[in-house]
N, C-alpha and C. Protein backbone atom coordinates (compact mmCIF):
# COMPACT_ATOMS: atom_id res chain seq x y z
N UNK A 1 4.55 10.21 17.88
CA UNK A 1 4.39 8.93 17.19
C UNK A 1 3.05 8.94 16.45
N UNK A 2 3.07 8.83 15.14
CA UNK A 2 1.87 8.88 14.34
C UNK A 2 1.26 7.48 14.22
N UNK A 3 -0.07 7.42 14.42
CA UNK A 3 -0.79 6.17 14.29
C UNK A 3 -1.99 6.41 13.37
N UNK A 4 -2.32 5.44 12.54
CA UNK A 4 -3.49 5.59 11.70
C UNK A 4 -3.93 4.23 11.16
N UNK A 5 -5.24 4.16 10.87
CA UNK A 5 -5.80 2.99 10.19
C UNK A 5 -5.73 3.28 8.70
N UNK A 6 -5.40 2.26 7.91
CA UNK A 6 -5.26 2.50 6.48
C UNK A 6 -5.92 1.41 5.67
N UNK A 7 -6.46 1.81 4.52
CA UNK A 7 -6.98 0.89 3.52
C UNK A 7 -6.34 1.28 2.20
N UNK A 8 -5.68 0.32 1.57
CA UNK A 8 -5.04 0.56 0.28
C UNK A 8 -5.68 -0.37 -0.74
N UNK A 9 -6.18 0.21 -1.82
CA UNK A 9 -6.74 -0.57 -2.91
C UNK A 9 -5.91 -0.32 -4.16
N UNK A 10 -5.44 -1.39 -4.77
CA UNK A 10 -4.63 -1.29 -5.97
C UNK A 10 -5.39 -1.97 -7.11
N UNK A 11 -5.69 -1.22 -8.17
CA UNK A 11 -6.31 -1.78 -9.36
C UNK A 11 -5.29 -1.71 -10.48
N UNK A 12 -5.07 -2.83 -11.18
CA UNK A 12 -4.01 -2.85 -12.17
C UNK A 12 -4.35 -3.74 -13.35
N UNK A 13 -3.92 -3.28 -14.53
CA UNK A 13 -3.88 -4.13 -15.70
C UNK A 13 -2.42 -4.45 -15.93
N UNK A 14 -2.03 -5.70 -15.74
CA UNK A 14 -0.61 -6.06 -15.71
C UNK A 14 -0.18 -6.79 -16.98
N UNK A 15 1.08 -6.59 -17.32
CA UNK A 15 1.69 -7.28 -18.44
C UNK A 15 2.99 -7.91 -17.95
N UNK A 16 3.22 -9.16 -18.27
CA UNK A 16 4.45 -9.82 -17.85
C UNK A 16 4.48 -10.06 -16.37
N UNK A 17 3.48 -10.71 -15.83
CA UNK A 17 3.38 -10.93 -14.39
C UNK A 17 4.16 -12.17 -14.01
N UNK A 18 5.17 -11.98 -13.19
CA UNK A 18 6.01 -13.08 -12.77
C UNK A 18 5.20 -14.08 -11.93
N UNK A 19 5.30 -15.34 -12.25
CA UNK A 19 4.66 -16.44 -11.52
C UNK A 19 3.14 -16.49 -11.71
N UNK A 20 2.58 -15.62 -12.58
CA UNK A 20 1.15 -15.67 -12.82
C UNK A 20 0.87 -15.81 -14.31
N UNK A 21 0.25 -14.84 -14.94
CA UNK A 21 -0.14 -14.91 -16.34
C UNK A 21 0.63 -13.88 -17.16
N UNK A 22 0.59 -14.04 -18.49
CA UNK A 22 1.28 -13.09 -19.35
C UNK A 22 0.65 -11.70 -19.24
N UNK A 23 -0.67 -11.65 -19.11
CA UNK A 23 -1.36 -10.37 -18.89
C UNK A 23 -2.64 -10.66 -18.13
N UNK A 24 -3.06 -9.72 -17.26
CA UNK A 24 -4.26 -9.97 -16.47
C UNK A 24 -4.70 -8.70 -15.78
N UNK A 25 -5.91 -8.73 -15.21
CA UNK A 25 -6.41 -7.67 -14.36
C UNK A 25 -6.30 -8.14 -12.92
N UNK A 26 -5.85 -7.25 -12.07
CA UNK A 26 -5.63 -7.62 -10.67
C UNK A 26 -6.10 -6.50 -9.75
N UNK A 27 -6.67 -6.88 -8.61
CA UNK A 27 -6.98 -5.90 -7.58
C UNK A 27 -6.43 -6.42 -6.26
N UNK A 28 -5.88 -5.52 -5.48
CA UNK A 28 -5.32 -5.86 -4.18
C UNK A 28 -5.94 -4.93 -3.15
N UNK A 29 -6.47 -5.49 -2.08
CA UNK A 29 -6.97 -4.65 -0.99
C UNK A 29 -6.18 -4.96 0.27
N UNK A 30 -5.57 -3.93 0.82
CA UNK A 30 -4.79 -4.04 2.05
C UNK A 30 -5.46 -3.18 3.11
N UNK A 31 -5.73 -3.75 4.26
CA UNK A 31 -6.33 -2.99 5.36
C UNK A 31 -5.58 -3.29 6.64
N UNK A 32 -5.32 -2.24 7.41
CA UNK A 32 -4.60 -2.49 8.65
C UNK A 32 -4.31 -1.23 9.42
N UNK A 33 -3.35 -1.34 10.33
CA UNK A 33 -2.97 -0.23 11.20
C UNK A 33 -1.48 0.02 11.07
N UNK A 34 -1.12 1.29 11.23
CA UNK A 34 0.28 1.69 11.04
C UNK A 34 0.73 2.57 12.20
N UNK A 35 1.90 2.27 12.75
CA UNK A 35 2.52 3.11 13.76
C UNK A 35 3.89 3.52 13.23
N UNK A 36 4.08 4.81 13.07
CA UNK A 36 5.35 5.32 12.57
C UNK A 36 6.47 5.04 13.58
N UNK A 37 7.67 4.57 13.16
CA UNK A 37 8.11 4.55 11.76
C UNK A 37 8.04 3.20 11.08
N UNK A 38 7.89 2.07 11.81
CA UNK A 38 8.10 0.79 11.13
C UNK A 38 7.26 -0.34 11.69
N UNK A 39 6.05 -0.02 12.17
CA UNK A 39 5.16 -1.08 12.65
C UNK A 39 3.88 -1.09 11.81
N UNK A 40 3.49 -2.28 11.36
CA UNK A 40 2.33 -2.41 10.50
C UNK A 40 1.66 -3.75 10.78
N UNK A 41 0.33 -3.73 10.95
CA UNK A 41 -0.42 -4.98 10.97
C UNK A 41 -1.51 -4.85 9.90
N UNK A 42 -1.64 -5.88 9.07
CA UNK A 42 -2.54 -5.75 7.94
C UNK A 42 -3.06 -7.11 7.50
N UNK A 43 -4.16 -7.06 6.73
CA UNK A 43 -4.63 -8.24 6.03
C UNK A 43 -4.76 -7.86 4.57
N UNK A 44 -4.52 -8.81 3.69
CA UNK A 44 -4.60 -8.50 2.26
C UNK A 44 -5.28 -9.62 1.51
N UNK A 45 -6.04 -9.23 0.49
CA UNK A 45 -6.71 -10.16 -0.41
C UNK A 45 -6.39 -9.73 -1.82
N UNK A 46 -6.00 -10.68 -2.65
CA UNK A 46 -5.69 -10.40 -4.05
C UNK A 46 -6.71 -11.10 -4.93
N UNK A 47 -7.30 -10.34 -5.88
CA UNK A 47 -8.21 -10.95 -6.85
C UNK A 47 -7.61 -10.79 -8.23
N UNK A 48 -7.48 -11.89 -8.95
CA UNK A 48 -6.84 -11.87 -10.25
C UNK A 48 -7.74 -12.59 -11.26
N UNK A 49 -8.20 -11.81 -12.25
CA UNK A 49 -9.10 -12.37 -13.27
C UNK A 49 -10.25 -13.15 -12.64
N UNK A 50 -10.84 -12.58 -11.57
CA UNK A 50 -12.00 -13.18 -10.93
C UNK A 50 -11.69 -14.23 -9.87
N UNK A 51 -10.43 -14.62 -9.74
CA UNK A 51 -10.04 -15.62 -8.73
C UNK A 51 -9.46 -14.90 -7.52
N UNK A 52 -9.95 -15.24 -6.33
CA UNK A 52 -9.54 -14.55 -5.11
C UNK A 52 -8.58 -15.41 -4.29
N UNK A 53 -7.54 -14.78 -3.80
CA UNK A 53 -6.57 -15.47 -2.96
C UNK A 53 -7.12 -15.67 -1.56
N UNK A 54 -6.53 -16.55 -0.76
CA UNK A 54 -6.89 -16.60 0.66
C UNK A 54 -6.49 -15.29 1.33
N UNK A 55 -7.19 -14.92 2.39
CA UNK A 55 -6.83 -13.70 3.12
C UNK A 55 -5.54 -13.95 3.90
N UNK A 56 -4.56 -13.09 3.66
CA UNK A 56 -3.28 -13.20 4.32
C UNK A 56 -3.20 -12.13 5.41
N UNK A 57 -2.86 -12.52 6.63
CA UNK A 57 -2.69 -11.58 7.74
C UNK A 57 -1.20 -11.47 8.06
N UNK A 58 -0.75 -10.23 8.17
CA UNK A 58 0.68 -9.97 8.33
C UNK A 58 0.92 -8.97 9.44
N UNK A 59 1.97 -9.18 10.22
CA UNK A 59 2.47 -8.19 11.17
C UNK A 59 3.92 -7.93 10.83
N UNK A 60 4.27 -6.65 10.72
CA UNK A 60 5.64 -6.26 10.41
C UNK A 60 6.13 -5.32 11.51
N UNK A 61 7.23 -5.69 12.15
CA UNK A 61 7.85 -4.86 13.19
C UNK A 61 9.32 -4.73 12.83
N UNK A 62 9.69 -3.56 12.36
CA UNK A 62 11.05 -3.40 11.87
C UNK A 62 11.28 -4.33 10.69
N UNK A 63 12.30 -5.17 10.77
CA UNK A 63 12.60 -6.11 9.69
C UNK A 63 11.98 -7.47 9.91
N UNK A 64 11.31 -7.67 11.04
CA UNK A 64 10.67 -8.95 11.32
C UNK A 64 9.26 -8.99 10.72
N UNK A 65 8.95 -10.08 10.00
CA UNK A 65 7.65 -10.24 9.36
C UNK A 65 7.01 -11.54 9.82
N UNK A 66 5.76 -11.45 10.31
CA UNK A 66 5.02 -12.60 10.79
C UNK A 66 3.74 -12.75 9.95
N UNK A 67 3.39 -13.98 9.62
CA UNK A 67 2.23 -14.25 8.77
C UNK A 67 1.37 -15.32 9.42
N UNK A 68 0.04 -15.12 9.40
CA UNK A 68 -0.87 -16.15 9.89
C UNK A 68 -1.19 -17.08 8.72
N UNK A 69 -0.82 -18.34 8.88
CA UNK A 69 -1.08 -19.32 7.82
C UNK A 69 -2.59 -19.41 7.57
N UNK A 70 -3.05 -19.16 6.33
CA UNK A 70 -4.51 -19.16 6.08
C UNK A 70 -5.16 -20.52 6.25
N UNK A 71 -4.39 -21.59 6.25
CA UNK A 71 -4.96 -22.93 6.42
C UNK A 71 -4.97 -23.35 7.89
N UNK A 72 -3.85 -23.21 8.57
CA UNK A 72 -3.76 -23.66 9.96
C UNK A 72 -4.18 -22.58 10.95
N UNK A 73 -4.21 -21.30 10.51
CA UNK A 73 -4.53 -20.14 11.35
C UNK A 73 -3.50 -19.96 12.46
N UNK A 74 -2.31 -20.48 12.27
CA UNK A 74 -1.21 -20.31 13.22
C UNK A 74 -0.26 -19.22 12.72
N UNK A 75 0.27 -18.43 13.64
CA UNK A 75 1.24 -17.42 13.28
C UNK A 75 2.62 -18.05 13.06
N UNK A 76 3.26 -17.69 11.96
CA UNK A 76 4.58 -18.21 11.63
C UNK A 76 5.41 -17.08 11.04
N UNK A 77 6.70 -17.31 10.89
CA UNK A 77 7.52 -16.32 10.21
C UNK A 77 7.17 -16.35 8.72
N UNK A 78 7.27 -15.19 8.07
CA UNK A 78 6.81 -15.06 6.70
C UNK A 78 7.35 -16.10 5.75
N UNK A 79 8.65 -16.39 5.84
CA UNK A 79 9.26 -17.32 4.90
C UNK A 79 8.76 -18.75 5.07
N UNK A 80 8.04 -19.03 6.17
CA UNK A 80 7.56 -20.39 6.43
C UNK A 80 6.13 -20.62 5.96
N UNK A 81 5.49 -19.61 5.37
CA UNK A 81 4.10 -19.73 4.93
C UNK A 81 4.05 -19.74 3.41
N UNK A 82 3.75 -20.90 2.84
CA UNK A 82 3.79 -21.06 1.38
C UNK A 82 2.82 -20.11 0.67
N UNK A 83 1.63 -19.88 1.24
CA UNK A 83 0.63 -19.04 0.59
C UNK A 83 1.04 -17.57 0.52
N UNK A 84 2.07 -17.22 1.26
CA UNK A 84 2.52 -15.83 1.31
C UNK A 84 3.58 -15.52 0.25
N UNK A 85 4.15 -16.55 -0.34
CA UNK A 85 5.30 -16.35 -1.22
C UNK A 85 5.02 -15.40 -2.38
N UNK A 86 3.84 -15.51 -3.00
CA UNK A 86 3.53 -14.70 -4.18
C UNK A 86 3.31 -13.23 -3.83
N UNK A 87 3.06 -12.93 -2.55
CA UNK A 87 2.72 -11.56 -2.17
C UNK A 87 3.78 -10.93 -1.27
N UNK A 88 4.87 -11.64 -1.06
CA UNK A 88 5.94 -11.09 -0.23
C UNK A 88 6.41 -9.77 -0.80
N UNK A 89 6.57 -8.80 0.05
CA UNK A 89 6.99 -7.47 -0.39
C UNK A 89 5.87 -6.45 -0.34
N UNK A 90 4.60 -6.92 -0.33
CA UNK A 90 3.49 -5.96 -0.30
C UNK A 90 3.44 -5.21 1.02
N UNK A 91 3.85 -5.85 2.12
CA UNK A 91 3.82 -5.15 3.41
C UNK A 91 4.88 -4.04 3.43
N UNK A 92 6.04 -4.28 2.82
CA UNK A 92 7.05 -3.23 2.75
C UNK A 92 6.59 -2.11 1.83
N UNK A 93 5.88 -2.48 0.77
CA UNK A 93 5.34 -1.45 -0.11
C UNK A 93 4.30 -0.61 0.63
N UNK A 94 3.40 -1.26 1.40
CA UNK A 94 2.38 -0.53 2.14
C UNK A 94 3.01 0.43 3.13
N UNK A 95 4.06 -0.03 3.82
CA UNK A 95 4.74 0.81 4.79
C UNK A 95 5.45 1.97 4.09
N UNK A 96 6.14 1.65 2.99
CA UNK A 96 6.87 2.69 2.27
C UNK A 96 5.96 3.68 1.57
N UNK A 97 4.75 3.24 1.20
CA UNK A 97 3.87 4.13 0.44
C UNK A 97 3.36 5.30 1.27
N UNK A 98 3.49 5.21 2.60
CA UNK A 98 3.14 6.35 3.44
C UNK A 98 3.98 7.57 3.02
N UNK A 99 5.16 7.29 2.46
CA UNK A 99 6.04 8.38 2.04
C UNK A 99 5.46 9.19 0.91
N UNK A 100 4.48 8.64 0.17
CA UNK A 100 3.86 9.40 -0.91
C UNK A 100 3.26 10.71 -0.38
N UNK A 101 2.66 10.63 0.81
CA UNK A 101 2.04 11.83 1.37
C UNK A 101 3.09 12.90 1.67
N UNK A 102 4.24 12.48 2.16
CA UNK A 102 5.28 13.44 2.52
C UNK A 102 5.89 14.11 1.29
N UNK A 103 5.83 13.39 0.14
CA UNK A 103 6.44 13.93 -1.07
C UNK A 103 5.43 14.66 -1.95
N UNK A 104 4.17 14.77 -1.50
CA UNK A 104 3.12 15.42 -2.29
C UNK A 104 3.32 16.93 -2.35
N UNK A 105 3.14 17.49 -3.56
CA UNK A 105 3.19 18.94 -3.76
C UNK A 105 1.91 19.36 -4.45
N UNK A 106 1.09 20.18 -3.78
CA UNK A 106 -0.18 20.62 -4.35
C UNK A 106 0.00 21.64 -5.46
N UNK A 107 -0.86 21.52 -6.47
CA UNK A 107 -0.81 22.47 -7.58
C UNK A 107 -2.11 23.24 -7.76
N UNK A 108 -3.25 22.65 -7.38
CA UNK A 108 -4.53 23.34 -7.52
C UNK A 108 -5.58 22.70 -6.62
N UNK A 109 -6.58 23.49 -6.22
CA UNK A 109 -7.69 23.01 -5.40
C UNK A 109 -8.87 22.71 -6.31
N UNK A 110 -9.37 21.46 -6.26
CA UNK A 110 -10.46 21.04 -7.14
C UNK A 110 -11.83 21.29 -6.51
N UNK A 111 -11.88 21.55 -5.20
CA UNK A 111 -13.15 21.78 -4.54
C UNK A 111 -13.21 21.01 -3.23
N UNK A 112 -14.38 21.05 -2.59
CA UNK A 112 -14.58 20.35 -1.33
C UNK A 112 -15.34 19.04 -1.58
N UNK A 113 -14.94 17.98 -0.87
CA UNK A 113 -15.63 16.69 -0.97
C UNK A 113 -15.63 16.03 0.39
N UNK A 114 -16.55 15.08 0.56
CA UNK A 114 -16.59 14.31 1.80
C UNK A 114 -15.96 12.94 1.59
N UNK A 115 -15.10 12.54 2.53
CA UNK A 115 -14.50 11.20 2.54
C UNK A 115 -14.91 10.55 3.85
N UNK A 116 -15.72 9.51 3.76
CA UNK A 116 -16.21 8.81 4.96
C UNK A 116 -16.83 9.79 5.97
N UNK A 117 -17.60 10.74 5.44
CA UNK A 117 -18.30 11.69 6.29
C UNK A 117 -17.48 12.88 6.76
N UNK A 118 -16.22 12.94 6.34
CA UNK A 118 -15.33 14.04 6.73
C UNK A 118 -15.24 15.03 5.58
N UNK A 119 -15.53 16.29 5.83
CA UNK A 119 -15.43 17.33 4.82
C UNK A 119 -13.95 17.62 4.54
N UNK A 120 -13.57 17.53 3.27
CA UNK A 120 -12.15 17.63 2.90
C UNK A 120 -11.91 18.60 1.76
N UNK A 121 -10.72 19.20 1.75
CA UNK A 121 -10.23 19.90 0.58
C UNK A 121 -9.70 18.86 -0.40
N UNK A 122 -10.13 18.94 -1.66
CA UNK A 122 -9.65 18.03 -2.70
C UNK A 122 -8.58 18.76 -3.50
N UNK A 123 -7.36 18.27 -3.43
CA UNK A 123 -6.22 18.99 -4.02
C UNK A 123 -5.54 18.13 -5.07
N UNK A 124 -5.28 18.72 -6.23
CA UNK A 124 -4.53 18.05 -7.28
C UNK A 124 -3.06 18.43 -7.15
N UNK A 125 -2.17 17.48 -7.45
CA UNK A 125 -0.76 17.79 -7.31
C UNK A 125 0.13 16.75 -7.94
N UNK A 126 1.36 16.71 -7.49
CA UNK A 126 2.34 15.75 -7.99
C UNK A 126 3.13 15.17 -6.82
N UNK A 127 3.74 14.03 -7.06
CA UNK A 127 4.65 13.40 -6.12
C UNK A 127 6.00 13.26 -6.81
N UNK A 128 7.03 13.79 -6.20
CA UNK A 128 8.36 13.72 -6.78
C UNK A 128 9.12 12.51 -6.21
N UNK A 129 9.51 11.56 -7.07
CA UNK A 129 10.17 10.34 -6.60
C UNK A 129 11.43 10.60 -5.79
N UNK A 130 12.18 11.65 -6.13
CA UNK A 130 13.45 11.89 -5.43
C UNK A 130 13.25 12.27 -3.97
N UNK A 131 12.00 12.61 -3.60
CA UNK A 131 11.73 12.99 -2.22
C UNK A 131 11.24 11.83 -1.36
N UNK A 132 11.25 10.61 -1.92
CA UNK A 132 10.75 9.45 -1.19
C UNK A 132 11.87 8.49 -0.86
N UNK A 133 11.64 7.65 0.15
CA UNK A 133 12.61 6.63 0.51
C UNK A 133 12.59 5.52 -0.56
N UNK A 134 13.60 4.68 -0.57
CA UNK A 134 13.75 3.67 -1.62
C UNK A 134 12.55 2.73 -1.72
N UNK A 135 11.99 2.31 -0.58
CA UNK A 135 10.89 1.36 -0.60
C UNK A 135 9.69 1.90 -1.35
N UNK A 136 9.44 3.19 -1.23
CA UNK A 136 8.28 3.80 -1.88
C UNK A 136 8.50 4.04 -3.36
N UNK A 137 9.72 3.89 -3.83
CA UNK A 137 10.03 4.15 -5.23
C UNK A 137 9.95 2.91 -6.11
N UNK A 138 9.66 1.74 -5.52
CA UNK A 138 9.80 0.49 -6.25
C UNK A 138 8.87 0.35 -7.45
N UNK A 139 7.68 0.99 -7.43
CA UNK A 139 6.77 0.88 -8.56
C UNK A 139 6.80 2.11 -9.46
N UNK A 140 7.70 3.02 -9.21
CA UNK A 140 7.74 4.23 -10.00
C UNK A 140 8.51 3.98 -11.29
N UNK A 141 7.97 4.43 -12.43
CA UNK A 141 8.67 4.23 -13.70
C UNK A 141 10.08 4.80 -13.65
N UNK A 142 11.07 4.07 -14.20
CA UNK A 142 12.44 4.57 -14.21
C UNK A 142 12.52 5.94 -14.88
N UNK A 143 13.32 6.83 -14.29
CA UNK A 143 13.55 8.19 -14.83
C UNK A 143 12.30 9.07 -14.79
N UNK A 144 11.27 8.66 -14.02
CA UNK A 144 10.07 9.49 -13.91
C UNK A 144 10.38 10.76 -13.11
N UNK A 145 9.94 11.90 -13.63
CA UNK A 145 10.18 13.17 -12.93
C UNK A 145 9.15 13.41 -11.84
N UNK A 146 7.89 13.05 -12.09
CA UNK A 146 6.84 13.27 -11.10
C UNK A 146 5.63 12.42 -11.45
N UNK A 147 4.82 12.10 -10.44
CA UNK A 147 3.60 11.33 -10.63
C UNK A 147 2.40 12.22 -10.35
N UNK A 148 1.35 12.11 -11.16
CA UNK A 148 0.12 12.83 -10.89
C UNK A 148 -0.56 12.22 -9.67
N UNK A 149 -1.08 13.07 -8.80
CA UNK A 149 -1.69 12.58 -7.56
C UNK A 149 -2.80 13.52 -7.12
N UNK A 150 -3.70 12.99 -6.30
CA UNK A 150 -4.76 13.79 -5.69
C UNK A 150 -4.79 13.49 -4.19
N UNK A 151 -5.09 14.52 -3.42
CA UNK A 151 -5.07 14.39 -1.97
C UNK A 151 -6.35 15.00 -1.41
N UNK A 152 -6.91 14.36 -0.39
CA UNK A 152 -8.07 14.88 0.32
C UNK A 152 -7.67 15.16 1.76
N UNK A 153 -7.70 16.43 2.15
CA UNK A 153 -7.25 16.87 3.47
C UNK A 153 -8.43 17.40 4.27
N UNK A 154 -8.60 16.91 5.48
CA UNK A 154 -9.72 17.33 6.32
C UNK A 154 -9.74 18.84 6.54
N UNK A 155 -10.90 19.46 6.37
CA UNK A 155 -11.01 20.91 6.51
C UNK A 155 -10.86 21.35 7.96
N UNK A 156 -11.20 20.48 8.90
CA UNK A 156 -11.11 20.83 10.32
C UNK A 156 -9.86 20.31 11.00
N UNK A 157 -9.39 19.12 10.58
CA UNK A 157 -8.23 18.54 11.26
C UNK A 157 -6.92 18.63 10.46
N UNK A 158 -7.03 19.00 9.17
CA UNK A 158 -5.85 19.13 8.29
C UNK A 158 -5.04 17.84 8.20
N UNK A 159 -5.73 16.70 8.34
CA UNK A 159 -5.09 15.40 8.20
C UNK A 159 -5.47 14.79 6.85
N UNK A 160 -4.61 13.93 6.33
CA UNK A 160 -4.87 13.27 5.05
C UNK A 160 -5.88 12.15 5.27
N UNK A 161 -6.98 12.17 4.49
CA UNK A 161 -8.00 11.14 4.59
C UNK A 161 -8.06 10.25 3.35
N UNK A 162 -7.55 10.73 2.24
CA UNK A 162 -7.49 9.90 1.05
C UNK A 162 -6.43 10.43 0.10
N UNK A 163 -5.83 9.50 -0.64
CA UNK A 163 -4.86 9.86 -1.66
C UNK A 163 -5.00 8.89 -2.82
N UNK A 164 -4.93 9.40 -4.05
CA UNK A 164 -4.99 8.56 -5.25
C UNK A 164 -3.81 8.89 -6.14
N UNK A 165 -3.13 7.84 -6.60
CA UNK A 165 -1.99 7.99 -7.51
C UNK A 165 -2.18 7.03 -8.68
N UNK A 166 -1.97 7.53 -9.91
CA UNK A 166 -2.00 6.70 -11.11
C UNK A 166 -0.58 6.54 -11.63
N UNK A 167 -0.23 5.30 -11.97
CA UNK A 167 1.12 5.02 -12.46
C UNK A 167 1.04 4.17 -13.73
N UNK A 168 1.74 4.59 -14.77
CA UNK A 168 1.93 3.78 -15.97
C UNK A 168 3.35 3.23 -15.91
N UNK A 169 3.45 1.92 -15.84
CA UNK A 169 4.76 1.29 -15.65
C UNK A 169 5.11 0.43 -16.86
N UNK A 170 6.12 0.87 -17.62
CA UNK A 170 6.59 0.10 -18.77
C UNK A 170 7.65 -0.91 -18.37
N UNK A 171 8.34 -0.59 -17.29
CA UNK A 171 9.43 -1.46 -16.86
C UNK A 171 9.59 -1.33 -15.36
N UNK A 172 9.56 -2.44 -14.65
CA UNK A 172 9.69 -2.42 -13.20
C UNK A 172 11.13 -2.15 -12.78
N UNK A 173 11.27 -1.58 -11.59
CA UNK A 173 12.60 -1.38 -11.04
C UNK A 173 13.26 -2.74 -10.80
N UNK A 174 14.55 -2.83 -11.06
CA UNK A 174 15.27 -4.08 -10.83
C UNK A 174 15.29 -4.46 -9.36
N UNK A 175 15.09 -3.48 -8.47
CA UNK A 175 15.13 -3.74 -7.03
C UNK A 175 13.76 -4.10 -6.46
N UNK A 176 12.72 -4.06 -7.30
CA UNK A 176 11.37 -4.31 -6.80
C UNK A 176 11.22 -5.73 -6.29
N UNK A 177 10.57 -5.90 -5.12
CA UNK A 177 10.30 -7.21 -4.57
C UNK A 177 8.89 -7.68 -4.93
N UNK A 178 8.11 -6.83 -5.62
CA UNK A 178 6.74 -7.19 -5.94
C UNK A 178 6.68 -8.07 -7.18
N UNK A 179 5.68 -8.99 -7.26
CA UNK A 179 5.62 -9.96 -8.36
C UNK A 179 5.01 -9.40 -9.63
N UNK A 180 5.55 -8.28 -10.14
CA UNK A 180 5.04 -7.65 -11.36
C UNK A 180 6.18 -7.08 -12.15
N UNK A 181 5.92 -6.83 -13.45
CA UNK A 181 6.97 -6.22 -14.25
C UNK A 181 6.49 -5.00 -15.02
N UNK A 182 5.21 -4.91 -15.37
CA UNK A 182 4.74 -3.75 -16.11
C UNK A 182 3.23 -3.69 -16.01
N UNK A 183 2.65 -2.48 -16.23
CA UNK A 183 1.21 -2.36 -16.22
C UNK A 183 0.73 -0.96 -15.92
N UNK A 184 -0.58 -0.82 -15.82
CA UNK A 184 -1.24 0.44 -15.50
C UNK A 184 -1.87 0.30 -14.12
N UNK A 185 -1.55 1.20 -13.20
CA UNK A 185 -1.94 1.06 -11.80
C UNK A 185 -2.71 2.28 -11.30
N UNK A 186 -3.73 2.02 -10.48
CA UNK A 186 -4.39 3.08 -9.71
C UNK A 186 -4.31 2.70 -8.24
N UNK A 187 -3.66 3.53 -7.44
CA UNK A 187 -3.50 3.29 -6.01
C UNK A 187 -4.43 4.23 -5.26
N UNK A 188 -5.32 3.67 -4.45
CA UNK A 188 -6.22 4.47 -3.62
C UNK A 188 -5.90 4.20 -2.16
N UNK A 189 -5.57 5.23 -1.41
CA UNK A 189 -5.23 5.12 0.01
C UNK A 189 -6.29 5.85 0.82
N UNK A 190 -6.86 5.19 1.82
CA UNK A 190 -7.77 5.84 2.75
C UNK A 190 -7.20 5.71 4.16
N UNK A 191 -7.21 6.83 4.88
CA UNK A 191 -6.64 6.87 6.23
C UNK A 191 -7.71 7.34 7.22
N UNK A 192 -7.74 6.70 8.39
CA UNK A 192 -8.72 7.06 9.41
C UNK A 192 -8.14 6.74 10.79
N UNK A 193 -8.92 7.04 11.83
CA UNK A 193 -8.53 6.76 13.21
C UNK A 193 -7.13 7.32 13.52
N UNK A 194 -6.88 8.53 13.05
CA UNK A 194 -5.57 9.16 13.27
C UNK A 194 -5.27 9.28 14.76
N UNK A 195 -4.11 8.74 15.16
CA UNK A 195 -3.59 8.87 16.52
C UNK A 195 -4.51 8.30 17.58
N UNK A 196 -5.41 7.39 17.19
CA UNK A 196 -6.19 6.67 18.19
C UNK A 196 -5.34 5.55 18.76
N UNK A 197 -5.83 4.91 19.81
CA UNK A 197 -5.06 3.88 20.48
C UNK A 197 -4.88 2.66 19.57
N UNK A 198 -3.63 2.36 19.22
CA UNK A 198 -3.29 1.20 18.40
C UNK A 198 -2.09 0.51 19.02
N UNK A 199 -2.15 -0.79 19.16
CA UNK A 199 -1.03 -1.57 19.67
C UNK A 199 -0.65 -2.62 18.64
N UNK A 200 0.61 -2.68 18.28
CA UNK A 200 1.10 -3.69 17.35
C UNK A 200 2.25 -4.43 18.01
N UNK A 201 2.06 -5.72 18.28
CA UNK A 201 3.06 -6.53 18.96
C UNK A 201 3.32 -7.80 18.17
N UNK A 202 4.49 -8.39 18.39
CA UNK A 202 4.81 -9.66 17.75
C UNK A 202 3.86 -10.73 18.26
N UNK A 203 3.31 -11.58 17.37
CA UNK A 203 2.37 -12.62 17.79
C UNK A 203 3.09 -13.84 18.35
N UNK A 204 2.38 -14.70 19.08
CA UNK A 204 2.98 -15.96 19.54
C UNK A 204 3.18 -16.88 18.32
N UNK A 205 4.39 -17.40 18.14
CA UNK A 205 4.69 -18.20 16.98
C UNK A 205 4.36 -19.67 17.18
N UNK A 206 3.94 -20.31 16.10
CA UNK A 206 3.72 -21.75 16.11
C UNK A 206 5.02 -22.40 15.69
N UNK A 207 5.63 -23.18 16.55
CA UNK A 207 6.93 -23.82 16.26
C UNK A 207 6.71 -25.29 15.90
């Protein structure tokens, strides 16, 4: 059972943003813990054109999603928290994006670098969409053959400590649950605390 702490930062220039603006700059930071195959606890903050959203805390266990209401600080089911509506789907994207690492194919070594004090091999490569599960494909341009990617692998532990993927999206997938339609994206993933003690349980609900 694989466990890891993760930080995902998404920087995007968006066009045609559903429920927001016609075009804007957006950054999303997701931080949390992941237990393979389907447990995730995370908090996320979205900043759009200088305006920051309330911090949303989410627990996902299988298909069940729980959200801490940012106003009442009570745990509720996701569909019952109004502040969560605009960001619904990001937790499934975060969980599915782990698949990017599995689909990575190295093409060249760029050199050695340190990530959070860990000496790493810096490798350039590609990610092939056909090798990923459906959830991880939601932001991939239609008919894309491969995505450019970079991976940082620990020289001593051979674990992934960072991954960066750039995506140019002219048209969103019809199946995407994310509130976007097109734009230029940079996804930065940082992983730490590999296989350390992590517990993810359903929270007590406020009824």
